[in-house]
Amino acid sequence: SIFLSEGGVQLGVVDISAAREVSRTEVQISQVRVTPKQIKALPSTGGDADIVQYLQILPGVISTGDQGGQLFIRGGSPVQNKILLDGLTIYNPFHSIGFYSIFETELIRNVDVLTGAFNADQGGRISAVVDINTREGNRTELGGQLSASPFMVKGLIEGPIKAFKEGEGSTSFVLTGKKSIIDQTSKKLYGYAAPDSIGLPFEFLDLYGKISSITSNGSKFNFFGFNFTDSYKNPIIADIDWKSSGGGLNFNLIPTSSGMILNGLIGFSNYEVNLKEDSDDPRRSLINEITAGLNFTVFEKNTEFNYGFEIKGIRTEFEFTNPFNQILNEFQNTTEFAGFLKVRHVFGDKLIFEPGFRVQYYASQSSFSPEPRLGLKYNISDNLRFKAAGGLYSQNILSTSNERDVVNLFSGFLTGPESDVAAIGGGVLKDKIQKSAHAIAGFEYDVNDRLQVNVEGYFKDFSQLIVVNRNKTRSSDPDYSTETGKAYGVDFSASYQAPKLYLWATYSYGFVNRFDGIQEYPTVFDRRHNVNFLATYNIDEAGDFQVSARWNLGSGFPFTKTQGFYYDNPFKDGVSTDFIQDNPDEVGILYSTERNGGRLPYYHRLDLSVTKFFRFGTKMNLETVAAITNAYNRDNIFYFDRVAYERVNQLPIIPSIALKLNF
C-alpha cells in the first residue's frame, strides 16, 4: 500500500503565450494587435484608459494634440484611415477633447491596427485600418462597473439572459454609458487651464448596447447599437456638435464537421456634424452608410483561404461657403461593391506566402478598381524574421477639412464627385477615384524571450487625391481639384516584458508631402521625428499596485507663415460706401506664397499614474487611479491667433483621481 500526504509547492510565474508561434506563421507586417491589458497599462488622463491614448504610442501614428486632436497614420489623413467598430465604419471616433474616443475600454476584446500594406480582406481606404471588436457580456452572472473622475462618470452592466450550461447555448447582454462632466468640474478644479471662465467646454455622451447569443457548437450572433454625441462650445473660437449612431447584426457560423467558418455583417451607421465660427458661415455635413457582407474562411493543413464580398449604400449631404462667398451644397447617393480572395500558405517552417486580390466597384463613378496585394515573411532563424508587403488601394470618400481652420474639429464628408474635377496641369479628370500604392519591408528580432525589436521602412504613393477646390472664385470653376502625395519613412519599436515590468519604446522618422499642381509642400501633420516611451511596473506580485509613465516627443508641425494684413471692407452701404474715409473692423490675412514653410516648436509631454486595487472578497473590488497629465507643465502650442498675435497652448498640468467599483 502507498499512502500520499497533502502538500504544496509555490510555483513562480508561468507565461503562456501564442505570440511567438503567430510571429512564425503569419506575415504581421504593419500590424499591431492591442489588448485591453495594454491599454490599461498606459497612464490615463482623468484616470480613464482609452484606446485613443494608446494608439498615439504606436509607431507611425501621429496625434495633433489634446484639444481637437486627430490621428494620422503613416502619411494618411483621418479620412484615409478606416475605423471599424464590430465591422461598421465609424466616421469620427474621437471626441473634441483629444484624450477620449467613443470606444469603451472595458468592452474591447481586441484592436488590430493596420498601418499600411494590408491585404485584400480590407479595403475602401488608401492609408490604414483600425479594426475594433467588442466582447460579449458575462454569460454566467450579473456584474458591472461604476466609475467617476473629474472628467466623466460612466457605468457598465452585463449578465446572462440565458445562463451558460455545459453543452448548451447561452445569451447575454452588456450596456455601457459614459457622460463627460469636465465642462462643469474644470471651472473649480482646473480654472487655470481655462482663464476665460468658460471652463473646458467639452461635452460628450456615449451609449452602447449588445446582446450576444452563442450556440452549443460555438456559432455566435451579436445584435448591437450605439449613440455617441459630442459638443464643443467656445464663444471665443467655435461652436461644434456632432452625433454618431447606428447598429447591426454580426455573426460567426461554424458548420458541423467542416473546416470552414462563415462570418457576416448587416448594419448601418450615421454621422452628422455642424460648425459655427464667428469669422465664417456655418458648415454642415452628414453621411450615412448601410453595409452588408459575408466572409468565408477555409482551413487546410498548411493553407488558409479567405474570400468574401461586401455591399455599401452611402448617402452624403454637405453645405459650405468658401472665402470667396461661393456656396458648395452637395447631396449624393452612391453604392460600392467589393469582392476579395486571400490565401495564406506556409512552406515548411521558413516561408509564409500571402497573396490577395480585391475588386472595388464604385457605382456613382462607374469605375472598377482591381487591387492586387501580397505579403511575405521568411524565418531566417528561430529569432530573426524578414517580412514585406505591398498593394494597390482606392477610396471614394473625401474630407472637407480645412488645414487653416483655427480649431480643426470639423470633419465633413463627401463621396467621389459627380461634377468636374480640375486635373493637375489643366483639363478635367476622367477617373475620379482616389488611389495609392504601398510598399513596406522590415524585420523582427527576438533578442531573448522578453525583448523583441521590430523595424519597418514604408513608402506610400498617393497617386490621386481629390480635394475641395478652395480657390474657386467663380461659379463656373470646378468644385474639386486634384493633388498627389508621397509618404515615406522608417519606424523602430522595441518591447520588453518581465513578470512585473513592461517597457515599450518607439521612434519614427518620416516625410509626408503633397503636390497641388503649383508647389510641393509638407502637410500640416508632417512630423519629422516622433518618440514614445512607456514603462509599467507592478509593485506587488498580484498586480494590484501599479505605476506607469509615458513620455512623448515630437518635432514641430508645419504651418504657412503670415506675410501681412489688410482691412477687409464689406461695403455695407453698397456703392454709397465711403471707402476712402471708412475704417472697417474686419481684418484679412495675407499668407506666404510658400505653403507650410514654417515649423512650430517641438512638442513633448510626460504623463504619470498610480493604480491600486482594494479587494472585497472574490467578486468585488475598488480600483483607484491617481494620474498627472503633462506632469512638468510643458507649454505645447494649440494654435496661434494671427490677428490678435496671441498664442494659445494645449492643456497644462492636469492632476486627477478616479474611482472605479467593479462587481
Foldseek 3Di string as FASTA:
>chain_A
DDDDDDDDDDDDDDDDDCVLVCVLADQQDQKDKDALVNQQLAFAVQNAGAVLVVVCFDWQWFWPFQFLIDIAGQQRGLVLEFEEEQRDTDNAQAARGRRHGLDHSVFWGMKMKRQDQDFAVDAQHAGIYIYTYGDFFDQAAKWKKWKDKLFKTKIKIKYWPAHDDQLFKTKMKMKMKMWTDQQPSQLPAVCVQPVVSRTQQKIKMKIKMKMKIAGSVGKIKIWMWIKIKIWGDDLVFKTKIKIKIKIWMKIWDDDPPFQKIKIKIWMKMKMKMWMDGPVFDIKIKIKMKTKIKMKMWGDDDFKIKIKIKMKMKMWMWIWGAFPLRDIDTDTDIWMKIKIKIWMWGDDDSFKIWIKMWMWMAIGLLRDIDIKIKIKMKTPPDSFKIKIKIKMKGWHFKDWAFDPPRQNRNDTHIDGFDSDFEAEQPGDTDSRRIWMKMKIKIWMKGDPDPFKIKTKMKMKMWRPWDKYQPSVDNDPPDDRIYIKIKMKIWMKIKMWGDDQFKIKIKMKIAMFIWMGRNPDIAGDQRGWGIKIKIKMKGQPDNVSQKIKIKMKIKIAFGFAWAFPDKDADDPPPVPPPDPVVPDDHPDMDTHTDPHGRPDTDGMDMAMKIKIWHWDDDPDFKIKIKMKIKTRNVFDFAFSGADPVVRDTRGHGGIDIMMMIMIID
